[in-house]
Amino acid sequence: MQITYNAVIRQVEGWWIGWVTEIRGVGSQGETREELIENLRSALGEALEMNRAEAISACQGEYEEISIEL
């Protein structure tokens, strides 16, 4: 299943900056629009991986993973 996230981006003084709207704290910058998008993709992946690891750790034992659709 592929999930799509949204970001707000803008160019400021020669740099591109942006933030993923669904995950607080996931933002990045790049010298080009394409670099920014790749940096956001990387930052989002790392944040999701860390959040997943924290959730599994909080279970403290056996757990079940489920999918939730909106």
Protein backbone atom coordinates (compact mmCIF):
# COMPACT_ATOMS: atom_id res chain seq x y z
CA MET A 1 0.00 0.00 0.00
CA GLN A 2 1.39 3.38 -0.99
CA ILE A 3 0.62 6.36 1.23
CA THR A 4 0.87 9.90 -0.03
CA TYR A 5 1.85 12.77 2.26
CA ASN A 6 1.50 16.49 1.63
CA ALA A 7 4.07 19.23 2.05
CA VAL A 8 4.08 22.98 1.88
CA ILE A 9 7.15 24.37 0.14
CA ARG A 10 8.50 27.74 -0.86
CA GLN A 11 11.63 29.40 -2.14
CA VAL A 12 13.36 31.87 0.17
CA GLU A 13 16.54 33.71 -0.75
CA GLY A 14 17.71 31.07 -3.18
CA TRP A 15 16.86 28.08 -0.98
CA TRP A 16 13.83 25.83 -1.11
CA ILE A 17 12.27 25.02 2.27
CA GLY A 18 9.34 22.80 3.15
CA TRP A 19 7.40 20.90 5.78
CA VAL A 20 5.36 17.69 5.68
CA THR A 21 1.92 18.73 6.91
CA GLU A 22 0.84 15.43 8.48
CA ILE A 23 3.89 14.80 10.68
CA ARG A 24 4.96 17.52 13.09
CA GLY A 25 8.66 18.38 12.94
CA VAL A 26 9.35 16.91 9.49
CA GLY A 27 10.88 19.67 7.45
CA SER A 28 13.94 20.24 5.32
CA GLN A 29 15.63 22.47 2.80
CA GLY A 30 17.53 22.19 -0.45
CA GLU A 31 19.31 24.30 -3.00
CA THR A 32 16.85 23.13 -5.67
CA ARG A 33 13.19 22.12 -5.59
CA GLU A 34 14.16 18.56 -6.48
CA GLU A 35 16.77 18.40 -3.70
CA LEU A 36 14.20 19.68 -1.21
CA ILE A 37 11.69 17.00 -2.24
CA GLU A 38 14.31 14.27 -1.88
CA ASN A 39 15.37 15.67 1.51
CA LEU A 40 11.74 15.76 2.67
CA ARG A 41 11.27 12.16 1.52
CA SER A 42 14.33 11.11 3.51
CA ALA A 43 13.31 13.07 6.63
CA LEU A 44 9.79 11.62 6.45
CA GLY A 45 11.10 8.07 6.14
CA GLU A 46 13.39 8.52 9.13
CA ALA A 47 10.59 10.05 11.24
CA LEU A 48 8.18 7.22 10.41
CA GLU A 49 10.85 4.63 11.20
CA MET A 50 11.60 6.26 14.57
CA ASN A 51 7.87 6.56 15.40
CA ARG A 52 7.33 2.88 14.56
CA ALA A 53 10.28 1.81 16.74
CA GLU A 54 8.97 3.91 19.65
CA ALA A 55 5.47 2.42 19.30
CA ILE A 56 6.81 -1.15 19.26
CA SER A 57 9.00 -0.41 22.28
CA ALA A 58 5.99 1.00 24.15
CA CYS A 59 4.12 -2.31 23.69
CA GLN A 60 6.67 -4.06 25.95
CA GLY A 61 5.97 -7.54 24.65
CA GLU A 62 3.82 -9.20 22.05
CA TYR A 63 1.92 -6.92 19.71
CA GLU A 64 -0.23 -6.96 16.61
CA GLU A 65 0.19 -4.60 13.67
CA ILE A 66 -2.93 -3.44 11.86
CA SER A 67 -3.68 -1.06 8.99
CA ILE A 68 -6.07 1.83 9.49
CA GLU A 69 -7.66 3.60 6.54
CA LEU A 70 -9.27 7.02 6.65
